Amino acid sequence: MRSAGCGHEGTTVTRLRCADWSCKGTTVTRMCSAGWSCEGTTVTRMRCAGWSCEGTTVTRMRSPHHAGTDCPKENKNVHALEGVFSAACTLEETTLHVTDNMDLHILDHRLRVISISKNGLVNFTHPLIKLIFLRSRTRCKFFSLTETPENYTVVLDEEGFKELQPSEHLMVEGSIWLPLNVASNGNASSSSQAVGVTKIAKSVIAPLAEQHVSVFMLSTYQTDFILVKEKDLSVVISTLEEEFNIYKEVGGESVPIHCQDVPNGLQKNGKEAIQPTVHPVVIPKNQFCVMSLDPDTLPSIATTLIDVLFYSNSPKEDAANQGLDCIKFFSFSLIDGYISLVMDTEAQRQFPADLLFTSSSGELWRMVRIGGQPLGFDECGIVAQISQPLADSDISAYYISTFSFDHALVPEEDIVSVTDMLQHQRKDPAAS
């Protein structure tokens, strides 16, 4: 479970995302961003729901709470509820409850963002293997490794950072970053079926861009992390506290926090407002999967994962691939005990099919790579520039920032409309 406040008795819960649960005799699988109170309930493959249910069976629902007047009423059976994605639903004696505010959690991690050169990877395989596979030998709780054609981007907490020795092949971004996570409920996608960064584009990404706060995004199978610089925290809180109940994790407890609790919390960012650069984009031909893995089965794929991460391409082969017809991109995250993998279908074929899991629909994703030159870490509005039009069109998106470039993943069936949208945006930058 992740970001959950749960009271359980006789309960089985697996792969839950950002949930606030009170459960008794409940079996739940593959839940995302839910605020449920359940008794005697079986729920599978739910996403972004704010429900209170008793004696209810629901399968393959997505964002049902935006169904408006068609929401289920007490003592009423409902089939094919508006807002249901690929679902045939029966709900009995169910009342829909939507809370007023979303919760924003400042997680208890202080992160560093680093780059390892392709030629220098050999100097870091020992600590990287330790961080990936030997959890009992490290106190690192937040680790993400992403390979791109240029380099390896590593995002990790201070305990993990201690494992990496200084080297000419290691570049360290100077800031401490704090991960934020939105615990979605009724307002999270009140008129949207979209998932991923699209859910928070208007409520988080856009307001922070307007206040000139630079963000570094890391979407995983389980959730979306918004990384902000520690020095910008006061601006973040003062910008978002009207929209969110904001909590800071301290020693495993979530403590409410307000702008007056943070030094200079009432100050806005003093940077001069400038028109953001509209960066070029490239759309590789690869198809990508966003997947997860039971951590207990990680040893079963160890040799394959080591091969894919460290030995699949030589630097010369990567350099030859700079045309980006197909892009080398592989992301592995191990965060608070949860594993997320993003890979293309060619890499996926190397792994045992029965160990990796994705959503029931097995959707494929296409990549939008943002940036012609390395983007740096100070420019604001890059994520908003992509996520805002996707949110306007209700298109789901995962978003992964790296040391040099940004990467958005959109459903394959939407890639034509996304391409047209981005081309129009670049012909008429004022429209963005």
Protein backbone atom coordinates (compact mmCIF):
# COMPACT_ATOMS: atom_id res chain seq x y z
CA MET A 1 0.00 0.00 0.00
CA ARG A 2 1.09 3.55 -0.61
CA SER A 3 0.06 6.82 1.06
CA ALA A 4 -2.71 5.03 2.87
CA GLY A 5 -4.43 5.52 6.18
CA CYS A 6 -5.89 2.09 6.75
CA GLY A 7 -7.68 0.22 9.45
CA HIS A 8 -7.99 -3.44 8.51
CA GLU A 9 -9.55 -6.53 9.98
CA GLY A 10 -9.38 -9.70 7.90
CA THR A 11 -8.38 -7.67 4.86
CA THR A 12 -6.35 -8.50 1.77
CA VAL A 13 -5.15 -5.50 -0.21
CA THR A 14 -2.65 -5.52 -3.09
CA ARG A 15 -1.20 -2.85 -5.40
CA LEU A 16 -3.15 0.02 -3.85
CA ARG A 17 -2.34 3.57 -4.92
CA CYS A 18 -2.74 6.68 -2.76
CA ALA A 19 -5.72 5.42 -0.80
CA ASP A 20 -7.52 6.31 2.41
CA TRP A 21 -9.20 3.10 3.50
CA SER A 22 -11.20 1.66 6.33
CA CYS A 23 -11.78 -1.99 5.55
CA LYS A 24 -13.28 -5.05 7.21
CA GLY A 25 -13.37 -8.43 5.53
CA THR A 26 -12.36 -6.79 2.27
CA THR A 27 -10.42 -8.02 -0.75
CA VAL A 28 -9.04 -5.30 -2.98
CA THR A 29 -6.68 -5.51 -5.95
CA ARG A 30 -5.05 -2.91 -8.22
CA MET A 31 -6.66 0.20 -6.73
CA CYS A 32 -5.54 3.69 -7.68
CA SER A 33 -6.10 6.98 -5.84
CA ALA A 34 -9.18 5.89 -3.93
CA GLY A 35 -10.94 7.12 -0.83
CA TRP A 36 -13.05 4.14 0.23
CA SER A 37 -14.90 2.93 3.26
CA CYS A 38 -15.86 -0.68 2.64
CA GLU A 39 -17.37 -3.65 4.44
CA GLY A 40 -17.74 -7.01 2.74
CA THR A 41 -16.64 -5.49 -0.55
CA THR A 42 -14.69 -6.92 -3.47
CA VAL A 43 -13.14 -4.35 -5.78
CA THR A 44 -10.81 -4.88 -8.73
CA ARG A 45 -8.98 -2.50 -11.07
CA MET A 46 -10.43 0.75 -9.72
CA ARG A 47 -8.86 4.11 -10.47
CA CYS A 48 -9.44 7.55 -8.92
CA ALA A 49 -12.61 6.76 -7.00
CA GLY A 50 -14.20 8.46 -4.01
CA TRP A 51 -16.74 5.85 -2.87
CA SER A 52 -18.39 4.62 0.28
CA CYS A 53 -19.72 1.12 -0.36
CA GLU A 54 -21.29 -1.79 1.47
CA GLY A 55 -21.99 -5.14 -0.12
CA THR A 56 -20.77 -3.91 -3.49
CA THR A 57 -18.88 -5.59 -6.31
CA VAL A 58 -17.21 -3.32 -8.85
CA THR A 59 -14.86 -4.29 -11.67
CA ARG A 60 -12.70 -2.25 -14.07
CA MET A 61 -14.01 1.19 -13.11
CA ARG A 62 -12.21 4.44 -13.87
CA SER A 63 -13.10 7.82 -12.34
CA PRO A 64 -16.73 6.93 -11.64
CA HIS A 65 -17.25 9.82 -9.25
CA HIS A 66 -17.53 12.34 -12.09
CA ALA A 67 -20.77 10.81 -13.30
CA GLY A 68 -22.85 13.71 -11.97
CA THR A 69 -26.60 13.12 -11.82
CA ASP A 70 -26.16 9.58 -13.07
CA CYS A 71 -24.33 8.57 -9.89
CA PRO A 72 -25.76 5.57 -8.08
CA LYS A 73 -28.39 6.24 -5.44
CA GLU A 74 -29.29 4.23 -2.39
CA ASN A 75 -31.28 1.04 -3.03
CA LYS A 76 -30.72 1.29 -6.76
CA ASN A 77 -28.97 -1.01 -9.23
CA VAL A 78 -26.90 0.78 -11.82
CA HIS A 79 -25.43 -0.66 -15.01
CA ALA A 80 -22.99 0.97 -17.43
CA LEU A 81 -22.49 4.05 -15.26
CA GLU A 82 -21.48 7.22 -17.13
CA GLY A 83 -17.75 7.80 -16.74
CA VAL A 84 -16.95 4.10 -16.53
CA PHE A 85 -14.04 2.87 -18.63
CA SER A 86 -14.42 -0.62 -20.12
CA ALA A 87 -16.84 -1.57 -17.37
CA ALA A 88 -20.04 -3.48 -16.79
CA CYS A 89 -20.97 -2.47 -13.26
CA THR A 90 -23.62 -3.41 -10.78
CA LEU A 91 -23.85 -1.30 -7.63
CA GLU A 92 -26.41 -1.94 -4.91
CA GLU A 93 -27.27 0.21 -1.88
CA THR A 94 -24.36 2.47 -2.73
CA THR A 95 -24.06 6.18 -2.04
CA LEU A 96 -21.44 8.31 -3.73
CA HIS A 97 -19.44 10.57 -1.42
CA VAL A 98 -17.05 13.21 -2.71
CA THR A 99 -14.86 15.19 -0.34
CA ASP A 100 -14.18 18.88 -0.95
CA ASN A 101 -10.39 19.08 -0.94
CA MET A 102 -7.55 17.03 -2.28
CA ASP A 103 -4.61 16.09 -0.08
CA LEU A 104 -1.05 17.01 -1.02
CA HIS A 105 1.69 15.13 0.82
CA ILE A 106 5.27 16.33 1.16
CA LEU A 107 7.01 12.99 1.48
CA ASP A 108 9.77 12.31 3.98
CA HIS A 109 12.59 12.07 1.45
CA ARG A 110 15.36 14.54 0.59
CA LEU A 111 16.45 13.70 -2.94
CA ARG A 112 19.38 14.31 -5.24
CA VAL A 113 19.28 14.22 -9.04
CA ILE A 114 22.44 12.98 -10.72
CA SER A 115 23.71 11.92 -14.12
CA ILE A 116 26.10 9.07 -14.88
CA SER A 117 27.79 9.12 -18.28
CA LYS A 118 27.47 6.07 -20.50
CA ASN A 119 31.25 5.64 -20.61
CA GLY A 120 31.46 5.90 -16.82
CA LEU A 121 28.73 3.41 -15.96
CA VAL A 122 31.30 0.69 -15.28
CA ASN A 123 32.46 2.68 -12.24
CA PHE A 124 29.01 2.55 -10.63
CA THR A 125 27.60 -0.91 -11.36
CA HIS A 126 28.58 -2.17 -7.89
CA PRO A 127 26.60 0.45 -5.90
CA LEU A 128 23.73 0.46 -8.42
CA ILE A 129 23.28 -3.31 -8.15
CA LYS A 130 23.30 -2.92 -4.36
CA LEU A 131 20.62 -0.20 -4.52
CA ILE A 132 18.43 -2.19 -6.92
CA PHE A 133 18.66 -5.72 -5.56
CA LEU A 134 20.01 -5.67 -1.99
CA ARG A 135 17.47 -3.66 -0.02
CA SER A 136 18.61 -5.16 3.28
CA ARG A 137 22.11 -3.74 2.74
CA THR A 138 21.10 -0.12 2.22
CA ARG A 139 18.87 2.39 3.99
CA CYS A 140 17.88 3.96 0.68
CA LYS A 141 14.09 4.19 0.36
CA PHE A 142 13.75 6.25 -2.83
CA PHE A 143 15.66 5.12 -5.91
CA SER A 144 15.00 5.65 -9.61
CA LEU A 145 17.31 4.89 -12.54
CA THR A 146 16.44 5.97 -16.09
CA GLU A 147 18.53 5.24 -19.16
CA THR A 148 18.30 7.58 -22.15
CA PRO A 149 20.54 7.80 -25.22
CA GLU A 150 22.67 10.47 -23.51
CA ASN A 151 23.21 9.16 -19.99
CA TYR A 152 21.73 7.53 -16.92
CA THR A 153 19.63 9.72 -14.62
CA VAL A 154 19.51 8.64 -10.98
CA VAL A 155 17.09 10.13 -8.46
CA LEU A 156 17.75 8.91 -4.93
CA ASP A 157 17.59 9.92 -1.31
CA GLU A 158 20.53 10.99 0.80
CA GLU A 159 21.17 7.46 2.07
CA GLY A 160 21.42 6.19 -1.48
CA PHE A 161 23.56 9.15 -2.54
CA LYS A 162 26.17 8.10 0.03
CA GLU A 163 26.72 4.91 -1.97
CA LEU A 164 28.01 6.80 -5.03
CA GLN A 165 31.61 7.99 -4.96
CA PRO A 166 32.62 11.30 -6.62
CA SER A 167 33.83 10.82 -10.18
CA GLU A 168 34.42 12.74 -13.37
CA HIS A 169 31.64 10.59 -14.83
CA LEU A 170 29.13 11.75 -12.19
CA MET A 171 27.24 15.05 -12.47
CA VAL A 172 25.21 16.17 -9.46
CA GLU A 173 22.47 18.79 -9.63
CA GLY A 174 23.12 21.08 -6.69
CA SER A 175 19.64 21.25 -5.16
CA ILE A 176 17.88 19.15 -2.57
CA TRP A 177 14.54 18.05 -4.03
CA LEU A 178 11.38 17.17 -2.11
CA PRO A 179 8.81 14.77 -3.60
CA LEU A 180 5.15 15.77 -3.49
CA ASN A 181 2.30 13.37 -4.04
CA VAL A 182 -1.39 14.12 -4.56
CA ALA A 183 -3.79 11.78 -2.80
CA SER A 184 -6.68 12.07 -5.23
CA ASN A 185 -10.27 12.05 -4.15
CA GLY A 186 -13.47 13.64 -5.39
CA ASN A 187 -11.91 16.74 -6.90
CA ALA A 188 -8.92 14.97 -8.40
CA SER A 189 -10.58 14.32 -11.72
CA SER A 190 -14.13 15.51 -11.28
CA SER A 191 -14.69 15.82 -15.02
CA SER A 192 -11.94 13.61 -16.33
CA GLN A 193 -11.24 9.96 -17.03
CA ALA A 194 -7.58 10.75 -17.68
CA VAL A 195 -4.84 9.45 -15.42
CA GLY A 196 -1.25 10.30 -14.62
CA VAL A 197 0.10 13.83 -14.71
CA THR A 198 -3.03 14.99 -16.56
CA LYS A 199 -4.99 14.76 -13.29
CA ILE A 200 -2.76 17.34 -11.61
CA ALA A 201 -1.94 19.58 -14.59
CA LYS A 202 -4.43 22.29 -13.67
CA SER A 203 -4.35 21.98 -9.88
CA VAL A 204 -0.59 21.60 -9.29
CA ILE A 205 1.61 21.95 -12.38
CA ALA A 206 0.08 25.13 -13.84
CA PRO A 207 -0.10 27.11 -10.56
CA LEU A 208 3.53 26.28 -9.75
CA ALA A 209 4.60 27.33 -13.24
CA GLU A 210 2.77 30.64 -12.77
CA GLN A 211 4.79 31.20 -9.58
CA HIS A 212 8.02 30.33 -11.44
CA VAL A 213 8.63 27.12 -9.49
CA SER A 214 10.66 24.59 -11.45
CA VAL A 215 9.43 21.00 -11.10
CA PHE A 216 11.01 17.64 -11.89
CA MET A 217 8.43 14.94 -12.64
CA LEU A 218 8.66 11.23 -11.97
CA SER A 219 5.60 9.18 -12.91
CA THR A 220 5.56 5.55 -11.86
CA TYR A 221 3.12 2.67 -12.20
CA GLN A 222 1.86 3.48 -8.70
CA THR A 223 1.71 7.28 -8.61
CA ASP A 224 3.09 10.59 -9.85
CA PHE A 225 5.82 12.36 -7.90
CA ILE A 226 6.25 16.11 -8.30
CA LEU A 227 9.76 17.05 -7.18
CA VAL A 228 10.35 20.64 -6.10
CA LYS A 229 13.51 22.27 -4.81
CA GLU A 230 13.64 22.47 -1.04
CA LYS A 231 14.31 26.20 -1.22
CA ASP A 232 11.00 26.67 -3.09
CA LEU A 233 8.89 24.85 -0.50
CA SER A 234 7.44 28.01 1.03
CA VAL A 235 6.28 29.21 -2.39
CA VAL A 236 4.81 25.78 -3.16
CA ILE A 237 2.78 25.73 0.06
CA SER A 238 1.51 29.30 -0.24
CA THR A 239 0.56 28.65 -3.88
CA LEU A 240 -1.30 25.39 -3.33
CA GLU A 241 -2.79 25.57 0.16
CA GLU A 242 -6.11 27.01 -1.01
CA GLU A 243 -6.64 24.03 -3.31
CA PHE A 244 -5.17 21.31 -1.09
CA ASN A 245 -4.97 20.04 2.43
CA ILE A 246 -1.18 19.91 2.71
CA TYR A 247 0.60 17.41 4.93
CA LYS A 248 4.27 16.84 5.62
CA GLU A 249 5.44 13.36 6.47
CA VAL A 250 7.48 13.37 9.67
CA GLY A 251 8.65 10.07 11.11
CA GLY A 252 5.91 8.13 9.36
CA GLU A 253 3.15 10.51 10.46
CA SER A 254 1.34 13.02 8.23
CA VAL A 255 1.36 16.43 9.92
CA PRO A 256 -0.78 19.30 8.54
CA ILE A 257 1.36 22.19 7.37
CA HIS A 258 0.53 25.76 6.38
CA CYS A 259 2.55 28.54 4.80
CA GLN A 260 3.08 30.21 8.18
CA ASP A 261 4.80 27.01 9.36
CA VAL A 262 7.56 27.45 6.77
CA PRO A 263 10.10 30.30 6.87
CA ASN A 264 9.11 33.00 4.37
CA GLY A 265 5.96 31.05 3.65
CA LEU A 266 3.98 34.13 2.63
CA GLN A 267 6.49 35.21 0.03
CA LYS A 268 5.89 34.61 -3.62
CA ASN A 269 8.69 33.77 -5.99
CA GLY A 270 10.32 37.02 -7.01
CA LYS A 271 11.51 35.87 -10.42
CA GLU A 272 10.53 38.08 -13.31
CA ALA A 273 7.75 36.63 -15.43
CA ILE A 274 8.99 35.71 -18.88
CA GLN A 275 7.38 33.99 -21.83
CA PRO A 276 8.38 30.32 -21.55
CA THR A 277 10.37 28.79 -24.36
CA VAL A 278 8.36 26.42 -26.54
CA HIS A 279 10.74 23.50 -26.79
CA PRO A 280 10.95 21.20 -29.81
CA VAL A 281 9.62 17.69 -29.43
CA VAL A 282 10.51 14.35 -30.98
CA ILE A 283 8.09 11.41 -31.17
CA PRO A 284 10.00 8.11 -31.46
CA LYS A 285 8.35 5.09 -33.02
CA ASN A 286 8.79 2.78 -30.02
CA GLN A 287 5.77 1.48 -28.16
CA PHE A 288 6.17 1.60 -24.38
CA CYS A 289 4.72 -0.26 -21.40
CA VAL A 290 4.28 1.00 -17.85
CA MET A 291 4.56 -2.00 -15.57
CA SER A 292 5.15 -3.21 -12.04
CA LEU A 293 6.56 -6.21 -10.28
CA ASP A 294 6.09 -7.89 -6.93
CA PRO A 295 9.32 -7.00 -5.05
CA ASP A 296 9.56 -10.58 -3.81
CA THR A 297 10.00 -11.77 -7.41
CA LEU A 298 12.74 -9.24 -8.22
CA PRO A 299 15.49 -11.91 -7.86
CA SER A 300 13.75 -13.93 -10.58
CA ILE A 301 14.42 -11.24 -13.18
CA ALA A 302 17.79 -10.10 -11.82
CA THR A 303 19.95 -11.36 -14.68
CA THR A 304 17.57 -10.00 -17.31
CA LEU A 305 17.35 -6.62 -15.59
CA ILE A 306 21.14 -6.38 -15.26
CA ASP A 307 21.51 -7.26 -18.94
CA VAL A 308 18.94 -4.68 -20.08
CA LEU A 309 20.23 -1.90 -17.82
CA PHE A 310 23.97 -2.34 -18.11
CA TYR A 311 24.87 -4.44 -21.15
CA SER A 312 22.26 -4.09 -23.89
CA ASN A 313 23.95 -1.23 -25.75
CA SER A 314 27.48 0.00 -26.06
CA PRO A 315 28.10 3.77 -26.10
CA LYS A 316 28.88 3.58 -29.82
CA GLU A 317 25.57 1.90 -30.53
CA ASP A 318 23.76 4.54 -28.49
CA ALA A 319 25.51 7.32 -30.37
CA ALA A 320 24.44 5.75 -33.64
CA ASN A 321 20.87 5.76 -32.37
CA GLN A 322 20.77 9.53 -31.95
CA GLY A 323 18.42 9.82 -34.90
CA LEU A 324 15.75 8.83 -32.35
CA ASP A 325 13.67 6.84 -34.84
CA CYS A 326 13.50 4.50 -31.88
CA ILE A 327 14.80 5.77 -28.57
CA LYS A 328 16.70 3.85 -25.92
CA PHE A 329 14.64 4.46 -22.79
CA PHE A 330 14.32 2.27 -19.72
CA SER A 331 13.25 3.40 -16.27
CA PHE A 332 13.38 1.39 -13.05
CA SER A 333 12.08 2.79 -9.75
CA LEU A 334 12.12 1.24 -6.29
CA ILE A 335 10.35 3.67 -3.97
CA ASP A 336 9.19 2.77 -0.47
CA GLY A 337 9.17 -0.89 -1.45
CA TYR A 338 7.19 -0.49 -4.69
CA ILE A 339 8.67 -1.25 -8.10
CA SER A 340 7.82 0.50 -11.36
CA LEU A 341 9.28 -0.18 -14.80
CA VAL A 342 8.90 1.74 -18.04
CA MET A 343 10.30 0.02 -21.11
CA ASP A 344 9.59 -0.42 -24.78
CA THR A 345 8.00 -3.57 -26.13
CA GLU A 346 11.34 -4.89 -27.41
CA ALA A 347 12.78 -4.82 -23.89
CA GLN A 348 9.56 -6.22 -22.45
CA ARG A 349 9.91 -9.37 -24.55
CA GLN A 350 13.11 -10.23 -22.66
CA PHE A 351 11.26 -10.52 -19.34
CA PRO A 352 9.06 -13.42 -18.18
CA ALA A 353 5.50 -12.46 -19.08
CA ASP A 354 4.05 -13.95 -15.91
CA LEU A 355 6.07 -11.76 -13.52
CA LEU A 356 5.50 -8.25 -14.83
CA PHE A 357 2.00 -6.84 -14.59
CA THR A 358 0.24 -3.83 -16.05
CA SER A 359 -3.38 -2.71 -16.25
CA SER A 360 -5.93 -5.21 -17.47
CA SER A 361 -6.24 -3.51 -20.84
CA GLY A 362 -2.49 -3.85 -21.40
CA GLU A 363 -2.38 -0.42 -23.03
CA LEU A 364 0.65 0.70 -25.01
CA TRP A 365 2.10 4.18 -24.81
CA ARG A 366 3.96 6.46 -27.20
CA MET A 367 6.64 8.90 -26.14
CA VAL A 368 6.93 12.63 -26.63
CA ARG A 369 10.50 13.67 -25.92
CA ILE A 370 10.80 17.35 -25.00
CA GLY A 371 13.87 19.46 -25.67
CA GLY A 372 16.35 20.08 -28.46
CA GLN A 373 19.17 20.97 -26.08
CA PRO A 374 19.53 19.90 -22.43
CA LEU A 375 16.76 21.62 -20.51
CA GLY A 376 18.55 22.35 -17.25
CA PHE A 377 16.80 22.63 -13.89
CA ASP A 378 15.88 26.30 -13.53
CA GLU A 379 13.42 26.93 -16.35
CA CYS A 380 9.79 26.92 -15.25
CA GLY A 381 6.72 25.82 -17.17
CA ILE A 382 8.20 22.99 -19.25
CA VAL A 383 5.94 20.33 -17.73
CA ALA A 384 2.95 22.70 -17.84
CA GLN A 385 3.60 23.38 -21.52
CA ILE A 386 2.95 19.70 -22.29
CA SER A 387 0.52 18.67 -19.55
CA GLN A 388 -1.88 21.61 -19.91
CA PRO A 389 -3.02 20.89 -23.50
CA LEU A 390 -3.22 17.17 -22.65
CA ALA A 391 -5.46 18.01 -19.70
CA ASP A 392 -7.60 20.28 -21.89
CA SER A 393 -8.12 17.30 -24.20
CA ASP A 394 -8.55 14.81 -21.33
CA ILE A 395 -5.62 12.69 -22.52
CA SER A 396 -3.79 10.55 -19.97
CA ALA A 397 -0.05 10.99 -19.63
CA TYR A 398 2.87 9.73 -17.62
CA TYR A 399 5.75 12.18 -17.35
CA ILE A 400 9.39 11.38 -16.57
CA SER A 401 11.99 14.12 -16.31
CA THR A 402 15.65 13.22 -16.73
CA PHE A 403 18.92 15.08 -16.32
CA SER A 404 18.89 16.33 -19.91
CA PHE A 405 15.38 16.02 -21.37
CA ASP A 406 11.75 15.42 -20.42
CA HIS A 407 9.56 12.56 -21.60
CA ALA A 408 5.77 12.31 -21.72
CA LEU A 409 4.02 9.02 -22.42
CA VAL A 410 0.55 9.18 -23.97
CA PRO A 411 -1.80 6.37 -25.03
CA GLU A 412 -0.95 5.04 -28.47
CA GLU A 413 -4.49 5.67 -29.70
CA ASP A 414 -4.05 9.38 -28.92
CA ILE A 415 -0.65 9.93 -30.54
CA VAL A 416 -2.04 11.41 -33.79
CA SER A 417 -4.12 14.03 -31.99
CA VAL A 418 -1.24 14.75 -29.59
CA THR A 419 1.14 15.21 -32.52
CA ASP A 420 -1.26 17.63 -34.22
CA MET A 421 -1.76 19.51 -30.96
CA LEU A 422 1.96 19.93 -30.32
CA GLN A 423 2.69 20.93 -33.91
CA HIS A 424 0.01 23.62 -33.68
CA GLN A 425 1.45 24.78 -30.36
CA ARG A 426 4.87 25.21 -31.96
CA LYS A 427 3.51 27.08 -34.98
CA ASP A 428 1.57 29.42 -32.69
CA PRO A 429 3.45 29.61 -29.35
CA ALA A 430 0.98 32.19 -28.02
CA ALA A 431 -1.69 29.48 -28.07
CA SER A 432 0.18 27.60 -25.33
